[in-house]
N, C-alpha and C. Protein backbone atom coordinates (compact mmCIF):
# COMPACT_ATOMS: atom_id res chain seq x y z
N MET A 1 19.95 23.63 53.64
CA MET A 1 18.93 23.98 54.59
C MET A 1 17.93 22.83 54.69
N ARG A 2 17.69 22.38 55.88
CA ARG A 2 16.78 21.27 56.13
C ARG A 2 15.39 21.78 56.43
N ARG A 3 14.42 21.01 55.88
CA ARG A 3 13.03 21.35 56.19
C ARG A 3 12.56 20.47 57.32
N GLU A 4 11.68 20.96 58.07
CA GLU A 4 11.16 20.23 59.20
C GLU A 4 10.15 19.18 58.73
N LEU A 5 10.25 17.97 59.27
CA LEU A 5 9.31 16.89 58.95
C LEU A 5 8.10 17.06 59.86
N THR A 6 6.99 17.40 59.24
CA THR A 6 5.78 17.66 60.02
C THR A 6 4.84 16.47 59.94
N GLY A 7 3.80 16.54 60.71
CA GLY A 7 2.77 15.49 60.69
C GLY A 7 2.11 15.39 59.33
N ARG A 8 1.98 16.51 58.66
CA ARG A 8 1.37 16.52 57.33
C ARG A 8 2.25 15.75 56.35
N HIS A 9 3.57 15.93 56.40
CA HIS A 9 4.49 15.20 55.53
C HIS A 9 4.41 13.69 55.78
N VAL A 10 4.37 13.31 57.03
CA VAL A 10 4.28 11.89 57.39
C VAL A 10 2.97 11.31 56.86
N LEU A 11 1.89 12.07 56.99
CA LEU A 11 0.60 11.60 56.47
C LEU A 11 0.66 11.41 54.95
N ILE A 12 1.23 12.34 54.22
CA ILE A 12 1.35 12.23 52.77
C ILE A 12 2.21 11.03 52.38
N ILE A 13 3.33 10.83 53.05
CA ILE A 13 4.20 9.68 52.77
C ILE A 13 3.46 8.38 53.03
N THR A 14 2.73 8.28 54.16
CA THR A 14 2.01 7.07 54.51
C THR A 14 0.90 6.77 53.51
N VAL A 15 0.12 7.79 53.15
CA VAL A 15 -0.97 7.60 52.18
C VAL A 15 -0.40 7.18 50.82
N ALA A 16 0.69 7.81 50.40
CA ALA A 16 1.30 7.46 49.11
C ALA A 16 1.80 6.01 49.12
N ALA A 17 2.40 5.58 50.21
CA ALA A 17 2.89 4.21 50.29
C ALA A 17 1.73 3.21 50.22
N PHE A 18 0.65 3.50 50.93
CA PHE A 18 -0.51 2.62 50.87
C PHE A 18 -1.13 2.60 49.48
N LEU A 19 -1.19 3.73 48.81
CA LEU A 19 -1.74 3.77 47.45
C LEU A 19 -0.90 2.93 46.48
N VAL A 20 0.41 2.98 46.64
CA VAL A 20 1.28 2.15 45.79
C VAL A 20 1.01 0.68 46.05
N VAL A 21 0.95 0.28 47.31
CA VAL A 21 0.70 -1.13 47.65
C VAL A 21 -0.66 -1.58 47.13
N ILE A 22 -1.70 -0.78 47.34
CA ILE A 22 -3.04 -1.13 46.87
C ILE A 22 -3.06 -1.20 45.34
N GLY A 23 -2.41 -0.26 44.68
CA GLY A 23 -2.37 -0.26 43.21
C GLY A 23 -1.69 -1.51 42.66
N VAL A 24 -0.56 -1.87 43.23
CA VAL A 24 0.15 -3.08 42.79
C VAL A 24 -0.71 -4.32 43.04
N ASN A 25 -1.34 -4.41 44.21
CA ASN A 25 -2.21 -5.55 44.50
C ASN A 25 -3.37 -5.65 43.51
N LEU A 26 -3.97 -4.53 43.15
CA LEU A 26 -5.06 -4.56 42.18
C LEU A 26 -4.59 -5.04 40.82
N VAL A 27 -3.45 -4.56 40.37
CA VAL A 27 -2.90 -4.99 39.08
C VAL A 27 -2.63 -6.50 39.11
N LEU A 28 -2.00 -7.00 40.17
CA LEU A 28 -1.70 -8.43 40.27
C LEU A 28 -2.98 -9.27 40.34
N ALA A 29 -4.00 -8.80 41.06
CA ALA A 29 -5.25 -9.54 41.17
C ALA A 29 -5.95 -9.62 39.82
N VAL A 30 -5.99 -8.51 39.08
CA VAL A 30 -6.63 -8.51 37.76
C VAL A 30 -5.88 -9.44 36.81
N ARG A 31 -4.56 -9.40 36.83
CA ARG A 31 -3.77 -10.30 35.97
C ARG A 31 -3.98 -11.76 36.34
N ALA A 32 -4.07 -12.08 37.63
CA ALA A 32 -4.27 -13.46 38.07
C ALA A 32 -5.63 -13.98 37.63
N VAL A 33 -6.67 -13.21 37.83
CA VAL A 33 -8.01 -13.64 37.44
C VAL A 33 -8.10 -13.75 35.92
N GLY A 34 -7.48 -12.85 35.19
CA GLY A 34 -7.52 -12.88 33.73
C GLY A 34 -6.75 -14.04 33.13
N SER A 35 -5.81 -14.60 33.85
CA SER A 35 -5.01 -15.70 33.30
C SER A 35 -5.52 -17.07 33.73
N PHE A 36 -6.57 -17.12 34.55
CA PHE A 36 -7.10 -18.42 35.00
C PHE A 36 -7.83 -19.08 33.84
N PRO A 37 -7.41 -20.29 33.43
CA PRO A 37 -8.01 -20.90 32.24
C PRO A 37 -9.43 -21.41 32.43
N GLY A 38 -9.89 -21.58 33.63
CA GLY A 38 -11.27 -22.02 33.82
C GLY A 38 -11.37 -23.28 34.65
N LEU A 39 -12.51 -23.90 34.57
CA LEU A 39 -12.81 -25.07 35.37
C LEU A 39 -12.19 -26.33 34.78
N GLU A 40 -11.84 -27.27 35.64
CA GLU A 40 -11.34 -28.57 35.20
C GLU A 40 -12.50 -29.50 34.85
N VAL A 41 -13.58 -29.44 35.62
CA VAL A 41 -14.76 -30.26 35.35
C VAL A 41 -16.00 -29.38 35.50
N PRO A 42 -17.06 -29.66 34.73
CA PRO A 42 -18.26 -28.82 34.82
C PRO A 42 -18.95 -28.90 36.18
N ASN A 43 -18.97 -30.08 36.80
CA ASN A 43 -19.65 -30.23 38.07
C ASN A 43 -18.76 -31.09 38.98
N SER A 44 -18.13 -30.45 39.94
CA SER A 44 -17.18 -31.16 40.79
C SER A 44 -17.86 -32.20 41.69
N TYR A 45 -19.11 -31.97 42.08
CA TYR A 45 -19.80 -32.96 42.91
C TYR A 45 -20.01 -34.26 42.13
N VAL A 46 -20.47 -34.16 40.90
CA VAL A 46 -20.70 -35.35 40.08
C VAL A 46 -19.37 -36.06 39.83
N ALA A 47 -18.32 -35.31 39.53
CA ALA A 47 -17.00 -35.92 39.29
C ALA A 47 -16.50 -36.63 40.54
N SER A 48 -16.80 -36.10 41.73
CA SER A 48 -16.31 -36.71 42.97
C SER A 48 -16.98 -38.04 43.26
N GLN A 49 -18.17 -38.27 42.71
CA GLN A 49 -18.90 -39.51 42.99
C GLN A 49 -18.24 -40.74 42.38
N VAL A 50 -17.50 -40.55 41.29
CA VAL A 50 -16.85 -41.69 40.63
C VAL A 50 -15.32 -41.61 40.72
N PHE A 51 -14.81 -40.62 41.44
CA PHE A 51 -13.37 -40.40 41.49
C PHE A 51 -12.62 -41.62 42.02
N ASP A 52 -13.03 -42.15 43.16
CA ASP A 52 -12.31 -43.27 43.77
C ASP A 52 -12.31 -44.51 42.88
N ALA A 53 -13.44 -44.81 42.26
CA ALA A 53 -13.52 -45.98 41.37
C ALA A 53 -12.64 -45.78 40.14
N ASP A 54 -12.68 -44.57 39.57
CA ASP A 54 -11.84 -44.28 38.40
C ASP A 54 -10.36 -44.37 38.75
N ARG A 55 -10.00 -43.83 39.91
CA ARG A 55 -8.60 -43.86 40.33
C ARG A 55 -8.12 -45.30 40.55
N ALA A 56 -8.95 -46.13 41.17
CA ALA A 56 -8.58 -47.53 41.42
C ALA A 56 -8.38 -48.28 40.11
N ALA A 57 -9.27 -48.06 39.14
CA ALA A 57 -9.14 -48.72 37.84
C ALA A 57 -7.88 -48.25 37.12
N GLN A 58 -7.61 -46.96 37.20
CA GLN A 58 -6.41 -46.42 36.56
C GLN A 58 -5.15 -46.92 37.24
N ASP A 59 -5.14 -46.97 38.57
CA ASP A 59 -3.98 -47.49 39.31
C ASP A 59 -3.73 -48.96 38.99
N ALA A 60 -4.81 -49.72 38.75
CA ALA A 60 -4.66 -51.14 38.43
C ALA A 60 -3.93 -51.35 37.10
N LEU A 61 -4.04 -50.37 36.20
CA LEU A 61 -3.31 -50.47 34.93
C LEU A 61 -1.80 -50.43 35.16
N GLY A 62 -1.36 -49.63 36.13
CA GLY A 62 0.07 -49.51 36.42
C GLY A 62 0.85 -48.77 35.34
N TRP A 63 0.19 -47.92 34.61
CA TRP A 63 0.85 -47.20 33.51
C TRP A 63 1.63 -46.00 34.00
N THR A 64 2.72 -45.69 33.31
CA THR A 64 3.44 -44.43 33.47
C THR A 64 3.60 -43.82 32.09
N VAL A 65 3.49 -42.51 32.03
CA VAL A 65 3.65 -41.79 30.77
C VAL A 65 4.81 -40.83 30.92
N THR A 66 5.75 -40.92 29.98
CA THR A 66 6.93 -40.06 30.01
C THR A 66 6.98 -39.25 28.73
N PRO A 67 6.96 -37.90 28.85
CA PRO A 67 7.02 -37.08 27.65
C PRO A 67 8.47 -36.81 27.23
N GLY A 68 8.63 -36.51 25.97
CA GLY A 68 9.92 -36.09 25.44
C GLY A 68 9.69 -35.08 24.34
N TYR A 69 10.60 -34.14 24.19
CA TYR A 69 10.47 -33.12 23.15
C TYR A 69 11.86 -32.74 22.66
N ASP A 70 12.07 -32.82 21.35
CA ASP A 70 13.39 -32.53 20.79
C ASP A 70 13.44 -31.23 19.99
N GLY A 71 12.40 -30.42 20.10
CA GLY A 71 12.34 -29.17 19.35
C GLY A 71 11.47 -29.27 18.11
N ARG A 72 11.17 -30.48 17.68
CA ARG A 72 10.34 -30.69 16.50
C ARG A 72 9.20 -31.66 16.74
N GLU A 73 9.43 -32.61 17.67
CA GLU A 73 8.48 -33.69 17.85
C GLU A 73 8.25 -33.95 19.34
N LEU A 74 6.97 -34.10 19.69
CA LEU A 74 6.60 -34.48 21.05
C LEU A 74 6.38 -35.98 21.07
N THR A 75 7.00 -36.65 22.03
CA THR A 75 6.81 -38.09 22.17
C THR A 75 6.22 -38.40 23.54
N LEU A 76 5.39 -39.42 23.57
CA LEU A 76 4.84 -39.92 24.82
C LEU A 76 5.11 -41.42 24.88
N ALA A 77 5.86 -41.83 25.90
CA ALA A 77 6.14 -43.25 26.13
C ALA A 77 5.18 -43.73 27.20
N VAL A 78 4.29 -44.65 26.84
CA VAL A 78 3.33 -45.22 27.78
C VAL A 78 3.81 -46.63 28.11
N ARG A 79 4.16 -46.82 29.38
CA ARG A 79 4.72 -48.10 29.82
C ARG A 79 3.83 -48.72 30.90
N ASP A 80 3.83 -50.06 30.93
CA ASP A 80 3.10 -50.76 31.98
C ASP A 80 4.01 -50.91 33.21
N ARG A 81 3.55 -51.60 34.24
CA ARG A 81 4.36 -51.69 35.48
C ARG A 81 5.64 -52.49 35.29
N ASP A 82 5.75 -53.28 34.21
CA ASP A 82 6.98 -54.01 33.92
C ASP A 82 7.94 -53.23 33.03
N GLY A 83 7.56 -52.00 32.66
CA GLY A 83 8.40 -51.18 31.81
C GLY A 83 8.25 -51.45 30.32
N LEU A 84 7.29 -52.29 29.98
CA LEU A 84 7.04 -52.62 28.57
C LEU A 84 6.00 -51.66 27.99
N PRO A 85 5.99 -51.49 26.67
CA PRO A 85 4.95 -50.63 26.08
C PRO A 85 3.56 -51.14 26.47
N ALA A 86 2.73 -50.20 26.95
CA ALA A 86 1.38 -50.56 27.39
C ALA A 86 0.49 -50.80 26.17
N ARG A 87 -0.54 -51.63 26.38
CA ARG A 87 -1.51 -51.88 25.30
C ARG A 87 -2.55 -50.78 25.32
N VAL A 88 -2.34 -49.77 24.49
CA VAL A 88 -3.19 -48.59 24.44
C VAL A 88 -4.08 -48.68 23.22
N ARG A 89 -5.40 -48.60 23.44
CA ARG A 89 -6.34 -48.63 22.32
C ARG A 89 -6.41 -47.26 21.64
N THR A 90 -6.58 -46.20 22.43
CA THR A 90 -6.62 -44.84 21.88
C THR A 90 -5.83 -43.92 22.80
N LEU A 91 -5.30 -42.85 22.23
CA LEU A 91 -4.57 -41.85 23.02
C LEU A 91 -4.77 -40.49 22.37
N SER A 92 -5.08 -39.52 23.20
CA SER A 92 -5.13 -38.12 22.76
C SER A 92 -4.54 -37.27 23.88
N ALA A 93 -4.10 -36.10 23.52
CA ALA A 93 -3.52 -35.21 24.53
C ALA A 93 -3.76 -33.77 24.12
N THR A 94 -3.98 -32.94 25.11
CA THR A 94 -4.05 -31.49 24.90
C THR A 94 -2.80 -30.90 25.52
N VAL A 95 -2.08 -30.11 24.74
CA VAL A 95 -0.84 -29.50 25.19
C VAL A 95 -1.09 -28.00 25.29
N GLY A 96 -0.80 -27.43 26.46
CA GLY A 96 -1.04 -26.01 26.64
C GLY A 96 -0.24 -25.43 27.79
N ARG A 97 -0.26 -24.13 27.86
CA ARG A 97 0.40 -23.42 28.96
C ARG A 97 -0.40 -23.59 30.25
N PRO A 98 0.29 -23.56 31.39
CA PRO A 98 -0.43 -23.70 32.67
C PRO A 98 -1.34 -22.52 33.00
N THR A 99 -1.06 -21.34 32.43
CA THR A 99 -1.76 -20.13 32.86
C THR A 99 -2.87 -19.66 31.93
N HIS A 100 -2.98 -20.20 30.74
CA HIS A 100 -4.04 -19.76 29.82
C HIS A 100 -4.30 -20.85 28.78
N THR A 101 -5.38 -20.69 28.04
CA THR A 101 -5.74 -21.69 27.04
C THR A 101 -5.49 -21.22 25.61
N ARG A 102 -4.95 -20.03 25.43
CA ARG A 102 -4.74 -19.48 24.08
C ARG A 102 -3.80 -20.33 23.25
N ALA A 103 -2.82 -20.97 23.86
CA ALA A 103 -1.81 -21.74 23.11
C ALA A 103 -2.13 -23.24 23.07
N ASP A 104 -3.33 -23.65 23.53
CA ASP A 104 -3.66 -25.07 23.57
C ASP A 104 -3.69 -25.67 22.16
N ILE A 105 -3.11 -26.86 22.06
CA ILE A 105 -3.14 -27.61 20.81
C ILE A 105 -3.48 -29.07 21.12
N VAL A 106 -4.04 -29.75 20.15
CA VAL A 106 -4.34 -31.18 20.27
C VAL A 106 -3.60 -31.87 19.13
N PRO A 107 -2.35 -32.31 19.39
CA PRO A 107 -1.56 -32.93 18.33
C PRO A 107 -2.14 -34.28 17.90
N GLU A 108 -1.87 -34.64 16.65
CA GLU A 108 -2.27 -35.94 16.12
C GLU A 108 -1.11 -36.90 16.35
N PHE A 109 -1.27 -37.82 17.29
CA PHE A 109 -0.21 -38.76 17.63
C PHE A 109 -0.29 -40.00 16.74
N VAL A 110 0.88 -40.48 16.37
CA VAL A 110 1.02 -41.72 15.60
C VAL A 110 1.91 -42.65 16.43
N TYR A 111 1.51 -43.92 16.53
CA TYR A 111 2.28 -44.89 17.32
C TYR A 111 3.32 -45.55 16.42
N THR A 112 4.60 -45.30 16.70
CA THR A 112 5.69 -45.94 15.97
C THR A 112 6.85 -46.18 16.92
N GLY A 113 7.48 -47.31 16.79
CA GLY A 113 8.66 -47.60 17.58
C GLY A 113 8.44 -47.59 19.08
N GLY A 114 7.25 -47.96 19.53
CA GLY A 114 6.98 -48.00 20.96
C GLY A 114 6.65 -46.65 21.57
N LEU A 115 6.55 -45.60 20.75
CA LEU A 115 6.25 -44.26 21.23
C LEU A 115 5.09 -43.65 20.45
N PHE A 116 4.34 -42.80 21.12
CA PHE A 116 3.36 -41.98 20.43
C PHE A 116 4.08 -40.70 20.03
N ARG A 117 4.04 -40.37 18.73
CA ARG A 117 4.80 -39.23 18.21
C ARG A 117 3.87 -38.25 17.50
N ALA A 118 4.16 -36.95 17.69
CA ALA A 118 3.40 -35.91 17.00
C ALA A 118 4.33 -34.73 16.72
N PRO A 119 4.30 -34.20 15.50
CA PRO A 119 5.09 -33.02 15.21
C PRO A 119 4.43 -31.78 15.84
N VAL A 120 5.16 -31.08 16.69
CA VAL A 120 4.66 -29.85 17.31
C VAL A 120 5.81 -28.86 17.47
N THR A 121 5.45 -27.61 17.60
CA THR A 121 6.42 -26.57 17.91
C THR A 121 6.02 -25.95 19.24
N LEU A 122 6.86 -26.13 20.25
CA LEU A 122 6.60 -25.57 21.57
C LEU A 122 7.61 -24.47 21.86
N GLU A 123 7.11 -23.32 22.23
CA GLU A 123 7.99 -22.25 22.68
C GLU A 123 8.65 -22.67 23.99
N PRO A 124 9.84 -22.15 24.27
CA PRO A 124 10.48 -22.51 25.54
C PRO A 124 9.61 -22.13 26.74
N GLY A 125 9.67 -22.96 27.76
CA GLY A 125 8.94 -22.67 28.99
C GLY A 125 8.09 -23.83 29.46
N ALA A 126 7.23 -23.53 30.41
CA ALA A 126 6.39 -24.55 31.06
C ALA A 126 5.17 -24.87 30.21
N TRP A 127 4.87 -26.17 30.11
CA TRP A 127 3.71 -26.68 29.39
C TRP A 127 3.04 -27.77 30.21
N ASN A 128 1.73 -27.89 30.07
CA ASN A 128 0.98 -29.01 30.65
C ASN A 128 0.54 -29.90 29.50
N ILE A 129 0.64 -31.20 29.71
CA ILE A 129 0.18 -32.17 28.74
C ILE A 129 -0.91 -32.99 29.43
N HIS A 130 -2.15 -32.82 28.97
CA HIS A 130 -3.28 -33.56 29.53
C HIS A 130 -3.52 -34.78 28.66
N VAL A 131 -3.14 -35.94 29.18
CA VAL A 131 -3.22 -37.20 28.43
C VAL A 131 -4.53 -37.90 28.76
N LEU A 132 -5.20 -38.38 27.71
CA LEU A 132 -6.38 -39.22 27.86
C LEU A 132 -6.17 -40.44 26.99
N ALA A 133 -6.07 -41.60 27.62
CA ALA A 133 -5.83 -42.85 26.90
C ALA A 133 -6.87 -43.88 27.33
N THR A 134 -7.09 -44.84 26.45
CA THR A 134 -8.01 -45.93 26.74
C THR A 134 -7.24 -47.24 26.63
N ALA A 135 -7.35 -48.07 27.65
CA ALA A 135 -6.70 -49.38 27.64
C ALA A 135 -7.49 -50.34 26.76
N ALA A 136 -6.89 -51.47 26.47
CA ALA A 136 -7.53 -52.49 25.63
C ALA A 136 -8.86 -52.96 26.24
N ASP A 137 -8.97 -52.94 27.58
CA ASP A 137 -10.21 -53.37 28.23
C ASP A 137 -11.22 -52.24 28.41
N GLY A 138 -10.92 -51.03 27.89
CA GLY A 138 -11.84 -49.89 27.97
C GLY A 138 -11.60 -48.97 29.15
N THR A 139 -10.65 -49.29 30.02
CA THR A 139 -10.35 -48.44 31.18
C THR A 139 -9.78 -47.11 30.70
N GLN A 140 -10.33 -46.01 31.25
CA GLN A 140 -9.84 -44.68 30.92
C GLN A 140 -8.62 -44.35 31.78
N PHE A 141 -7.62 -43.77 31.16
CA PHE A 141 -6.40 -43.33 31.86
C PHE A 141 -6.25 -41.84 31.61
N ARG A 142 -6.20 -41.07 32.69
CA ARG A 142 -6.03 -39.61 32.59
C ARG A 142 -4.82 -39.21 33.43
N GLN A 143 -4.02 -38.31 32.85
CA GLN A 143 -2.89 -37.80 33.61
C GLN A 143 -2.49 -36.44 33.07
N ARG A 144 -2.13 -35.55 33.99
CA ARG A 144 -1.57 -34.26 33.60
C ARG A 144 -0.08 -34.33 33.84
N LEU A 145 0.69 -34.06 32.79
CA LEU A 145 2.14 -34.06 32.89
C LEU A 145 2.64 -32.63 32.82
N ASP A 146 3.52 -32.27 33.72
CA ASP A 146 4.18 -30.97 33.66
C ASP A 146 5.46 -31.15 32.86
N HIS A 147 5.61 -30.34 31.82
CA HIS A 147 6.77 -30.48 30.94
C HIS A 147 7.40 -29.12 30.73
N PHE A 148 8.73 -29.09 30.71
CA PHE A 148 9.45 -27.84 30.45
C PHE A 148 10.20 -27.98 29.14
N ALA A 149 9.80 -27.18 28.15
CA ALA A 149 10.46 -27.21 26.83
C ALA A 149 11.63 -26.24 26.84
N ARG A 150 12.75 -26.72 26.42
CA ARG A 150 13.96 -25.88 26.34
C ARG A 150 14.02 -25.21 24.98
N ALA A 151 14.81 -24.16 24.90
CA ALA A 151 15.00 -23.47 23.63
C ALA A 151 15.71 -24.40 22.66
N ALA A 152 15.33 -24.31 21.39
CA ALA A 152 15.95 -25.15 20.36
C ALA A 152 17.44 -24.82 20.23
N VAL A 153 18.25 -25.84 20.12
CA VAL A 153 19.69 -25.67 19.95
C VAL A 153 19.98 -25.45 18.48
N LYS A 154 20.73 -24.39 18.19
CA LYS A 154 21.02 -24.07 16.79
C LYS A 154 22.41 -24.43 16.40
C-alpha cells in the first residue's frame, strides 16, 4: 500500500536535507579553523616593506635545497647555481605538518659529506620543512620545502 506524498512530507524532507548540509558545513568549518597553525609573520605590512630586497638577495645566491629522508635521517643538500655545495655559515630548519604545529621539531643538523644531516623520525605523510640558512656574506636564505615521507620499509 502506497502512501500519498503530501506537501508536509516534501517540507520535512527538504528541511532535513538542509539540516544535514548545514551540519556537515559547520563540522568542516570548525575542523578547518582548529587546524590552522597561525600566522607566518607577526606584521605582514612590515614584512612586505623588505620583501623585494630580501628576495633579490636570496635569488642572487642561486641556492637550491633538496631534502631526503631514509626513515632514520633527514638530509638537506644545499647547492649553488653550479651544483656545488653552497658555502653555508649557519642552517636551521623546522619540520612540521602542514595543518598543525603539534608535531613541529627543530632537528640538530650536522654538516658531513656535503649534506646537512639530522636523525629524525617522521610518520608517513606530508611534511613542511622551513629552512633558514645564512650565507658566508650574511645573506639570509629562507625556503619552505614540501616533503612527503613514505612508510619505512621493513
